[in-house]
C-alpha atoms as a PDB file:
ATOM      1  CA  UNK A   1      49.927 -61.059 152.218  1.00  0.00           C
ATOM      2  CA  UNK A   2      51.773 -64.238 153.530  1.00  0.00           C
ATOM      3  CA  UNK A   3      52.903 -64.630 157.123  1.00  0.00           C
ATOM      4  CA  UNK A   4      56.111 -65.622 157.099  1.00  0.00           C
ATOM      5  CA  UNK A   5      56.822 -65.337 160.123  1.00  0.00           C
ATOM      6  CA  UNK A   6      54.999 -65.511 163.751  1.00  0.00           C
ATOM      7  CA  UNK A   7      55.862 -64.596 167.101  1.00  0.00           C
ATOM      8  CA  UNK A   8      52.895 -65.090 169.043  1.00  0.00           C
ATOM      9  CA  UNK A   9      53.522 -64.663 172.614  1.00  0.00           C
ATOM     10  CA  UNK A  10      56.991 -65.667 172.454  1.00  0.00           C
ATOM     11  CA  UNK A  11      58.949 -65.507 176.222  1.00  0.00           C
ATOM     12  CA  UNK A  12      62.757 -67.083 176.840  1.00  0.00           C
ATOM     13  CA  UNK A  13      65.034 -66.599 179.196  1.00  0.00           C
ATOM     14  CA  UNK A  14      68.716 -67.453 180.040  1.00  0.00           C
ATOM     15  CA  UNK A  15      68.443 -69.092 183.395  1.00  0.00           C
ATOM     16  CA  UNK A  16      66.512 -67.247 185.857  1.00  0.00           C
ATOM     17  CA  UNK A  17      67.172 -63.248 183.203  1.00  0.00           C
ATOM     18  CA  UNK A  18      63.815 -63.543 181.059  1.00  0.00           C
ATOM     19  CA  UNK A  19      65.875 -61.612 177.309  1.00  0.00           C
ATOM     20  CA  UNK A  20      62.186 -61.259 176.023  1.00  0.00           C
ATOM     21  CA  UNK A  21      58.984 -61.249 177.085  1.00  0.00           C
ATOM     22  CA  UNK A  22      54.700 -62.404 175.805  1.00  0.00           C
ATOM     23  CA  UNK A  23      56.859 -60.729 172.421  1.00  0.00           C
ATOM     24  CA  UNK A  24      53.960 -61.500 169.312  1.00  0.00           C
ATOM     25  CA  UNK A  25      54.359 -59.359 166.093  1.00  0.00           C
ATOM     26  CA  UNK A  26      54.133 -60.558 162.798  1.00  0.00           C
ATOM     27  CA  UNK A  27      56.580 -60.858 159.334  1.00  0.00           C
ATOM     28  CA  UNK A  28      54.382 -61.057 156.404  1.00  0.00           C
ATOM     29  CA  UNK A  29      56.748 -61.753 152.799  1.00  0.00           C
ATOM     30  CA  UNK A  30      57.927 -58.872 151.846  1.00  0.00           C
ATOM     31  CA  UNK A  31      58.125 -56.811 154.595  1.00  0.00           C
ATOM     32  CA  UNK A  32      61.340 -54.847 155.575  1.00  0.00           C
ATOM     33  CA  UNK A  33      61.077 -54.611 159.184  1.00  0.00           C
ATOM     34  CA  UNK A  34      64.328 -52.598 161.379  1.00  0.00           C
ATOM     35  CA  UNK A  35      63.699 -53.799 164.995  1.00  0.00           C
ATOM     36  CA  UNK A  36      65.107 -52.065 167.906  1.00  0.00           C
ATOM     37  CA  UNK A  37      66.192 -50.720 171.375  1.00  0.00           C
ATOM     38  CA  UNK A  38      68.624 -51.148 174.080  1.00  0.00           C
ATOM     39  CA  UNK A  39      71.858 -52.473 174.648  1.00  0.00           C
ATOM     40  CA  UNK A  40      70.698 -55.645 176.320  1.00  0.00           C
ATOM     41  CA  UNK A  41      67.002 -55.192 175.450  1.00  0.00           C
ATOM     42  CA  UNK A  42      66.351 -59.233 173.214  1.00  0.00           C
ATOM     43  CA  UNK A  43      66.935 -58.366 169.467  1.00  0.00           C
ATOM     44  CA  UNK A  44      69.655 -60.693 168.738  1.00  0.00           C
ATOM     45  CA  UNK A  45      67.142 -63.170 171.512  1.00  0.00           C
ATOM     46  CA  UNK A  46      64.188 -62.547 169.400  1.00  0.00           C
ATOM     47  CA  UNK A  47      66.111 -63.076 166.516  1.00  0.00           C
ATOM     48  CA  UNK A  48      67.619 -66.239 166.776  1.00  0.00           C
ATOM     49  CA  UNK A  49      64.449 -67.156 168.158  1.00  0.00           C
ATOM     50  CA  UNK A  50      62.796 -66.242 164.737  1.00  0.00           C
ATOM     51  CA  UNK A  51      65.424 -68.464 163.043  1.00  0.00           C
ATOM     52  CA  UNK A  52      64.553 -71.634 164.639  1.00  0.00           C
ATOM     53  CA  UNK A  53      68.324 -71.602 167.219  1.00  0.00           C
ATOM     54  CA  UNK A  54      66.643 -71.250 169.767  1.00  0.00           C
ATOM     55  CA  UNK A  55      63.415 -72.204 171.416  1.00  0.00           C
ATOM     56  CA  UNK A  56      60.740 -70.904 173.244  1.00  0.00           C
ATOM     57  CA  UNK A  57      60.002 -71.082 176.873  1.00  0.00           C
ATOM     58  CA  UNK A  58      56.434 -70.329 176.616  1.00  0.00           C
ATOM     59  CA  UNK A  59      54.336 -68.893 173.483  1.00  0.00           C
ATOM     60  CA  UNK A  60      55.474 -70.212 169.983  1.00  0.00           C
ATOM     61  CA  UNK A  61      57.509 -68.742 166.699  1.00  0.00           C
ATOM     62  CA  UNK A  62      56.599 -70.291 163.510  1.00  0.00           C
ATOM     63  CA  UNK A  63      58.808 -70.270 159.805  1.00  0.00           C
ATOM     64  CA  UNK A  64      56.698 -70.364 157.173  1.00  0.00           C
ATOM     65  CA  UNK A  65      53.725 -72.010 159.639  1.00  0.00           C
ATOM     66  CA  UNK A  66      56.376 -74.707 160.910  1.00  0.00           C
ATOM     67  CA  UNK A  67      57.758 -74.190 164.378  1.00  0.00           C
ATOM     68  CA  UNK A  68      61.474 -72.309 163.956  1.00  0.00           C
ATOM     69  CA  UNK A  69      62.780 -74.958 165.750  1.00  0.00           C
ATOM     70  CA  UNK A  70      61.573 -77.165 162.912  1.00  0.00           C
ATOM     71  CA  UNK A  71      61.799 -75.843 160.132  1.00  0.00           C
ATOM     72  CA  UNK A  72      63.510 -78.024 157.415  1.00  0.00           C
ATOM     73  CA  UNK A  73      64.462 -75.455 153.821  1.00  0.00           C
ATOM     74  CA  UNK A  74      66.857 -73.601 155.651  1.00  0.00           C
ATOM     75  CA  UNK A  75      68.239 -72.290 152.360  1.00  0.00           C
ATOM     76  CA  UNK A  76      65.387 -70.462 152.400  1.00  0.00           C
ATOM     77  CA  UNK A  77      67.071 -68.462 154.630  1.00  0.00           C
ATOM     78  CA  UNK A  78      69.805 -66.015 155.006  1.00  0.00           C
ATOM     79  CA  UNK A  79      71.861 -64.430 157.724  1.00  0.00           C
ATOM     80  CA  UNK A  80      74.665 -61.914 158.782  1.00  0.00           C
ATOM     81  CA  UNK A  81      75.803 -61.388 161.147  1.00  0.00           C
ATOM     82  CA  UNK A  82      77.555 -58.070 163.357  1.00  0.00           C
ATOM     83  CA  UNK A  83      80.817 -59.826 162.795  1.00  0.00           C
ATOM     84  CA  UNK A  84      80.256 -60.937 159.265  1.00  0.00           C
ATOM     85  CA  UNK A  85      83.347 -57.872 158.877  1.00  0.00           C
ATOM     86  CA  UNK A  86      86.218 -59.666 160.455  1.00  0.00           C
ATOM     87  CA  UNK A  87      87.860 -62.069 159.099  1.00  0.00           C
ATOM     88  CA  UNK A  88      90.011 -64.757 160.444  1.00  0.00           C
ATOM     89  CA  UNK A  89      93.762 -63.675 158.265  1.00  0.00           C
ATOM     90  CA  UNK A  90      94.210 -66.972 158.247  1.00  0.00           C
ATOM     91  CA  UNK A  91      92.364 -67.474 155.885  1.00  0.00           C
ATOM     92  CA  UNK A  92      92.380 -66.656 152.350  1.00  0.00           C
ATOM     93  CA  UNK A  93      89.425 -68.076 150.900  1.00  0.00           C
ATOM     94  CA  UNK A  94      88.203 -66.068 147.921  1.00  0.00           C
ATOM     95  CA  UNK A  95      85.175 -64.253 147.562  1.00  0.00           C
ATOM     96  CA  UNK A  96      83.653 -66.418 145.381  1.00  0.00           C
ATOM     97  CA  UNK A  97      84.782 -69.355 147.469  1.00  0.00           C
ATOM     98  CA  UNK A  98      82.524 -67.208 150.446  1.00  0.00           C
ATOM     99  CA  UNK A  99      80.069 -67.035 148.108  1.00  0.00           C
ATOM    100  CA  UNK A 100      80.062 -70.568 147.411  1.00  0.00           C
ATOM    101  CA  UNK A 101      78.689 -72.002 150.677  1.00  0.00           C
ATOM    102  CA  UNK A 102      75.413 -70.163 149.503  1.00  0.00           C
ATOM    103  CA  UNK A 103      74.901 -73.298 147.838  1.00  0.00           C
ATOM    104  CA  UNK A 104      76.292 -76.033 149.538  1.00  0.00           C
ATOM    105  CA  UNK A 105      72.456 -76.586 151.290  1.00  0.00           C
ATOM    106  CA  UNK A 106      71.291 -77.269 147.488  1.00  0.00           C
ATOM    107  CA  UNK A 107      74.477 -78.635 146.491  1.00  0.00           C
ATOM    108  CA  UNK A 108      75.421 -81.392 149.513  1.00  0.00           C
ATOM    109  CA  UNK A 109      78.908 -82.788 149.685  1.00  0.00           C
ATOM    110  CA  UNK A 110      78.468 -82.927 145.583  1.00  0.00           C
ATOM    111  CA  UNK A 111      80.795 -80.979 143.291  1.00  0.00           C
ATOM    112  CA  UNK A 112      78.167 -77.743 142.174  1.00  0.00           C
ATOM    113  CA  UNK A 113      77.052 -77.717 139.124  1.00  0.00           C
ATOM    114  CA  UNK A 114      76.039 -76.141 136.492  1.00  0.00           C
ATOM    115  CA  UNK A 115      73.055 -74.196 137.674  1.00  0.00           C
ATOM    116  CA  UNK A 116      75.524 -73.715 141.015  1.00  0.00           C
ATOM    117  CA  UNK A 117      77.253 -71.849 139.309  1.00  0.00           C
ATOM    118  CA  UNK A 118      75.587 -69.582 137.747  1.00  0.00           C
ATOM    119  CA  UNK A 119      73.793 -68.809 141.066  1.00  0.00           C
ATOM    120  CA  UNK A 120      76.763 -68.065 142.487  1.00  0.00           C
ATOM    121  CA  UNK A 121      77.702 -65.352 139.073  1.00  0.00           C
ATOM    122  CA  UNK A 122      74.283 -64.523 139.746  1.00  0.00           C
ATOM    123  CA  UNK A 123      74.422 -63.766 143.080  1.00  0.00           C
ATOM    124  CA  UNK A 124      77.505 -61.407 142.919  1.00  0.00           C
ATOM    125  CA  UNK A 125      75.656 -59.471 140.336  1.00  0.00           C
ATOM    126  CA  UNK A 126      73.294 -58.602 142.297  1.00  0.00           C
ATOM    127  CA  UNK A 127      75.501 -56.877 144.822  1.00  0.00           C
ATOM    128  CA  UNK A 128      78.376 -55.454 142.779  1.00  0.00           C
ATOM    129  CA  UNK A 129      81.039 -57.108 143.869  1.00  0.00           C
ATOM    130  CA  UNK A 130      81.451 -59.614 140.524  1.00  0.00           C
ATOM    131  CA  UNK A 131      84.522 -57.626 140.018  1.00  0.00           C
ATOM    132  CA  UNK A 132      85.910 -58.791 143.471  1.00  0.00           C
ATOM    133  CA  UNK A 133      85.166 -62.795 142.674  1.00  0.00           C
ATOM    134  CA  UNK A 134      89.012 -63.250 143.142  1.00  0.00           C
ATOM    135  CA  UNK A 135      89.850 -60.937 145.626  1.00  0.00           C
ATOM    136  CA  UNK A 136      90.820 -62.231 149.307  1.00  0.00           C
ATOM    137  CA  UNK A 137      88.717 -61.724 150.912  1.00  0.00           C
ATOM    138  CA  UNK A 138      90.432 -60.170 153.748  1.00  0.00           C
ATOM    139  CA  UNK A 139      92.127 -57.173 151.163  1.00  0.00           C
ATOM    140  CA  UNK A 140      88.390 -55.858 150.865  1.00  0.00           C
ATOM    141  CA  UNK A 141      86.234 -53.343 153.173  1.00  0.00           C
ATOM    142  CA  UNK A 142      83.950 -53.715 156.132  1.00  0.00           C
ATOM    143  CA  UNK A 143      80.486 -52.611 153.800  1.00  0.00           C
ATOM    144  CA  UNK A 144      82.525 -55.144 150.450  1.00  0.00           C
ATOM    145  CA  UNK A 145      82.229 -58.301 153.504  1.00  0.00           C
ATOM    146  CA  UNK A 146      79.501 -57.523 154.120  1.00  0.00           C
ATOM    147  CA  UNK A 147      78.160 -57.240 150.767  1.00  0.00           C
ATOM    148  CA  UNK A 148      79.938 -60.950 150.397  1.00  0.00           C
ATOM    149  CA  UNK A 149      77.262 -62.671 152.883  1.00  0.00           C
ATOM    150  CA  UNK A 150      74.733 -61.226 151.309  1.00  0.00           C
ATOM    151  CA  UNK A 151      75.267 -62.372 148.201  1.00  0.00           C
ATOM    152  CA  UNK A 152      76.588 -66.353 149.710  1.00  0.00           C
ATOM    153  CA  UNK A 153      72.739 -65.727 151.076  1.00  0.00           C
ATOM    154  CA  UNK A 154      71.012 -64.731 148.026  1.00  0.00           C
ATOM    155  CA  UNK A 155      73.247 -66.971 146.102  1.00  0.00           C
ATOM    156  CA  UNK A 156      71.372 -69.758 147.577  1.00  0.00           C
ATOM    157  CA  UNK A 157      67.794 -68.200 146.814  1.00  0.00           C
ATOM    158  CA  UNK A 158      67.227 -67.101 150.020  1.00  0.00           C
ATOM    159  CA  UNK A 159      63.796 -65.258 149.937  1.00  0.00           C
ATOM    160  CA  UNK A 160      64.081 -64.299 153.471  1.00  0.00           C
ATOM    161  CA  UNK A 161      67.107 -62.616 154.798  1.00  0.00           C
ATOM    162  CA  UNK A 162      67.778 -61.458 158.652  1.00  0.00           C
ATOM    163  CA  UNK A 163      70.979 -59.341 159.221  1.00  0.00           C
ATOM    164  CA  UNK A 164      71.741 -58.651 163.739  1.00  0.00           C
ATOM    165  CA  UNK A 165      73.617 -54.819 163.200  1.00  0.00           C
ATOM    166  CA  UNK A 166      75.456 -55.845 159.639  1.00  0.00           C
ATOM    167  CA  UNK A 167      77.161 -52.284 159.823  1.00  0.00           C
ATOM    168  CA  UNK A 168      79.413 -51.789 162.812  1.00  0.00           C
ATOM    169  CA  UNK A 169      82.703 -50.496 161.354  1.00  0.00           C
ATOM    170  CA  UNK A 170      81.237 -49.816 158.053  1.00  0.00           C
ATOM    171  CA  UNK A 171      82.185 -45.899 157.199  1.00  0.00           C
ATOM    172  CA  UNK A 172      80.015 -43.658 156.511  1.00  0.00           C
ATOM    173  CA  UNK A 173      79.276 -44.124 152.933  1.00  0.00           C
ATOM    174  CA  UNK A 174      79.375 -47.017 152.856  1.00  0.00           C
ATOM    175  CA  UNK A 175      76.645 -47.648 154.744  1.00  0.00           C
ATOM    176  CA  UNK A 176      74.618 -45.406 153.160  1.00  0.00           C
ATOM    177  CA  UNK A 177      74.797 -48.173 150.073  1.00  0.00           C
ATOM    178  CA  UNK A 178      74.625 -51.030 151.290  1.00  0.00           C
ATOM    179  CA  UNK A 179      70.839 -49.817 152.554  1.00  0.00           C
ATOM    180  CA  UNK A 180      70.717 -48.467 149.619  1.00  0.00           C
ATOM    181  CA  UNK A 181      71.120 -52.034 147.611  1.00  0.00           C
ATOM    182  CA  UNK A 182      68.967 -53.595 151.380  1.00  0.00           C
ATOM    183  CA  UNK A 183      66.373 -51.473 150.141  1.00  0.00           C
ATOM    184  CA  UNK A 184      67.237 -53.026 146.385  1.00  0.00           C
ATOM    185  CA  UNK A 185      66.572 -56.413 147.295  1.00  0.00           C
ATOM    186  CA  UNK A 186      63.774 -55.866 148.928  1.00  0.00           C
ATOM    187  CA  UNK A 187      61.754 -54.373 146.355  1.00  0.00           C
ATOM    188  CA  UNK A 188      62.209 -57.187 144.273  1.00  0.00           C
ATOM    189  CA  UNK A 189      60.659 -59.660 147.272  1.00  0.00           C
ATOM    190  CA  UNK A 190      63.284 -60.031 149.364  1.00  0.00           C
ATOM    191  CA  UNK A 191      61.587 -59.797 153.309  1.00  0.00           C
ATOM    192  CA  UNK A 192      64.284 -58.736 155.776  1.00  0.00           C
ATOM    193  CA  UNK A 193      64.606 -58.322 158.701  1.00  0.00           C
ATOM    194  CA  UNK A 194      67.714 -55.813 159.905  1.00  0.00           C
ATOM    195  CA  UNK A 195      68.813 -55.725 164.277  1.00  0.00           C
ATOM    196  CA  UNK A 196      70.159 -51.490 163.229  1.00  0.00           C
ATOM    197  CA  UNK A 197      70.836 -49.339 166.141  1.00  0.00           C
ATOM    198  CA  UNK A 198      70.024 -46.072 164.330  1.00  0.00           C
ATOM    199  CA  UNK A 199      67.224 -45.016 164.370  1.00  0.00           C
ATOM    200  CA  UNK A 200      67.707 -42.452 161.640  1.00  0.00           C
ATOM    201  CA  UNK A 201      69.184 -45.768 158.947  1.00  0.00           C
ATOM    202  CA  UNK A 202      65.817 -47.574 160.080  1.00  0.00           C
ATOM    203  CA  UNK A 203      63.420 -44.911 159.974  1.00  0.00           C
ATOM    204  CA  UNK A 204      64.604 -44.148 156.534  1.00  0.00           C
ATOM    205  CA  UNK A 205      64.496 -47.256 155.471  1.00  0.00           C
ATOM    206  CA  UNK A 206      62.381 -50.634 157.359  1.00  0.00           C
ATOM    207  CA  UNK A 207      59.409 -49.831 156.158  1.00  0.00           C
ATOM    208  CA  UNK A 208      57.787 -51.747 159.911  1.00  0.00           C
ATOM    209  CA  UNK A 209      59.888 -50.480 162.966  1.00  0.00           C
ATOM    210  CA  UNK A 210      59.526 -52.834 165.488  1.00  0.00           C
ATOM    211  CA  UNK A 211      60.388 -51.766 169.632  1.00  0.00           C
ATOM    212  CA  UNK A 212      61.995 -53.881 171.990  1.00  0.00           C
ATOM    213  CA  UNK A 213      63.764 -53.750 175.153  1.00  0.00           C
ATOM    214  CA  UNK A 214      62.044 -57.840 176.991  1.00  0.00           C
ATOM    215  CA  UNK A 215      58.559 -56.684 176.303  1.00  0.00           C
ATOM    216  CA  UNK A 216      57.389 -55.059 172.348  1.00  0.00           C
ATOM    217  CA  UNK A 217      56.651 -51.392 172.679  1.00  0.00           C
ATOM    218  CA  UNK A 218      55.767 -51.437 168.959  1.00  0.00           C
ATOM    219  CA  UNK A 219      55.656 -52.614 165.867  1.00  0.00           C
ATOM    220  CA  UNK A 220      54.628 -49.651 163.110  1.00  0.00           C
ATOM    221  CA  UNK A 221      55.623 -47.394 160.767  1.00  0.00           C
ATOM    222  CA  UNK A 222      58.491 -45.583 159.900  1.00  0.00           C
ATOM    223  CA  UNK A 223      56.067 -42.805 160.695  1.00  0.00           C
ATOM    224  CA  UNK A 224      53.775 -44.066 164.097  1.00  0.00           C
ATOM    225  CA  UNK A 225      56.878 -44.414 165.837  1.00  0.00           C
ATOM    226  CA  UNK A 226      57.918 -41.356 165.277  1.00  0.00           C
ATOM    227  CA  UNK A 227      55.880 -39.656 166.330  1.00  0.00           C
ATOM    228  CA  UNK A 228      54.324 -42.015 169.138  1.00  0.00           C
ATOM    229  CA  UNK A 229      56.778 -42.004 172.537  1.00  0.00           C
ATOM    230  CA  UNK A 230      58.209 -45.088 172.454  1.00  0.00           C
ATOM    231  CA  UNK A 231      61.355 -43.900 172.424  1.00  0.00           C
ATOM    232  CA  UNK A 232      60.846 -43.462 175.804  1.00  0.00           C
ATOM    233  CA  UNK A 233      59.059 -46.493 176.753  1.00  0.00           C
ATOM    234  CA  UNK A 234      61.573 -48.718 175.724  1.00  0.00           C
ATOM    235  CA  UNK A 235      64.822 -46.406 176.485  1.00  0.00           C
ATOM    236  CA  UNK A 236      63.426 -44.247 178.921  1.00  0.00           C
ATOM    237  CA  UNK A 237      65.883 -41.473 180.043  1.00  0.00           C
ATOM    238  CA  UNK A 238      68.361 -42.125 177.863  1.00  0.00           C
ATOM    239  CA  UNK A 239      66.016 -42.006 174.616  1.00  0.00           C
ATOM    240  CA  UNK A 240      67.070 -38.047 174.396  1.00  0.00           C
ATOM    241  CA  UNK A 241      70.482 -38.716 173.601  1.00  0.00           C
ATOM    242  CA  UNK A 242      69.647 -41.381 171.489  1.00  0.00           C
ATOM    243  CA  UNK A 243      67.718 -38.935 169.223  1.00  0.00           C
ATOM    244  CA  UNK A 244      70.034 -36.589 169.354  1.00  0.00           C
ATOM    245  CA  UNK A 245      73.557 -39.348 168.833  1.00  0.00           C
ATOM    246  CA  UNK A 246      71.213 -40.806 165.589  1.00  0.00           C
ATOM    247  CA  UNK A 247      70.221 -37.867 164.084  1.00  0.00           C
ATOM    248  CA  UNK A 248      66.296 -38.550 163.541  1.00  0.00           C
ATOM    249  CA  UNK A 249      65.895 -35.382 161.567  1.00  0.00           C
ATOM    250  CA  UNK A 250      68.294 -36.913 158.352  1.00  0.00           C
ATOM    251  CA  UNK A 251      67.486 -38.321 155.272  1.00  0.00           C
ATOM    252  CA  UNK A 252      68.380 -40.667 152.708  1.00  0.00           C
ATOM    253  CA  UNK A 253      67.882 -40.439 148.860  1.00  0.00           C
END
C-alpha cells in the first residue's frame, strides 16, 4: 500500500501548552481512519498538521512523501470543518456555486471550462444533491449542506478527504445517510480521515481507529480498539459515561 500521510514523532504546542506529543502514525491509500479522543485532546491540531496548516515543533509530517507544509497540489485534498453546515444567511449562494468553488484550484482566475462544469455535475450526482443544484444553501438542512461541502471537495478531484466532526447539529437519520455516503466514497478509493466524537459511528464505519489524548494511544482496527482498554487510558474516569452516551453496541446497516 502507498502511504499518503506519515506522521513521525510529531510534537506541537501552543505556547507552553502541548497539543500533540510524540505522535507517529501512517495513513495508507484507501484507509478510512476515525480519530477519537476527549475534548481538547489534540484531534483538530493533528489534522491541521496533516494538512500542512501547522508545522510540528519536533518530528515531521509528510503528505504524499512531501513535508505537509510544502505540499503544492491542494486540489488533491478536501477538508470539511465542523462548522461547514453553519451558513450566514446574508450569503445567497446556490449549491452549484459552492461546488464550483472546488474547481478554482484547477481553473485559477479563468472562467470555468466544459471539463470543470462536468466535474461539478459529476460531484453533485456522486453525493446525490444534483436535484438541489439551484437551491440556495441557506434553504438546505444541515445534512444537505454537509453533502454540498463534500461535493466541493470531490469537484476538485480530491483523493484525500479530511472531516472534522462534520455531523454536528445534523439529525440522526441524516447522520446515518451521511456516513453511509462516506463509506461509499471510501469504497470508491477516496482516503478518509475523520474526527468524530461518537465512538459508535467510528467503529461502525472506519476501518482504523486512532485514539489520541495528546499522545497516541492506539491506531488499530475497530475490533481491537473495542477489545482493548484504550478508552480508559485516553478518557480516564469519563470513559464509562462515554461508552453509555455513544452506544458502542449499536449497529448500522
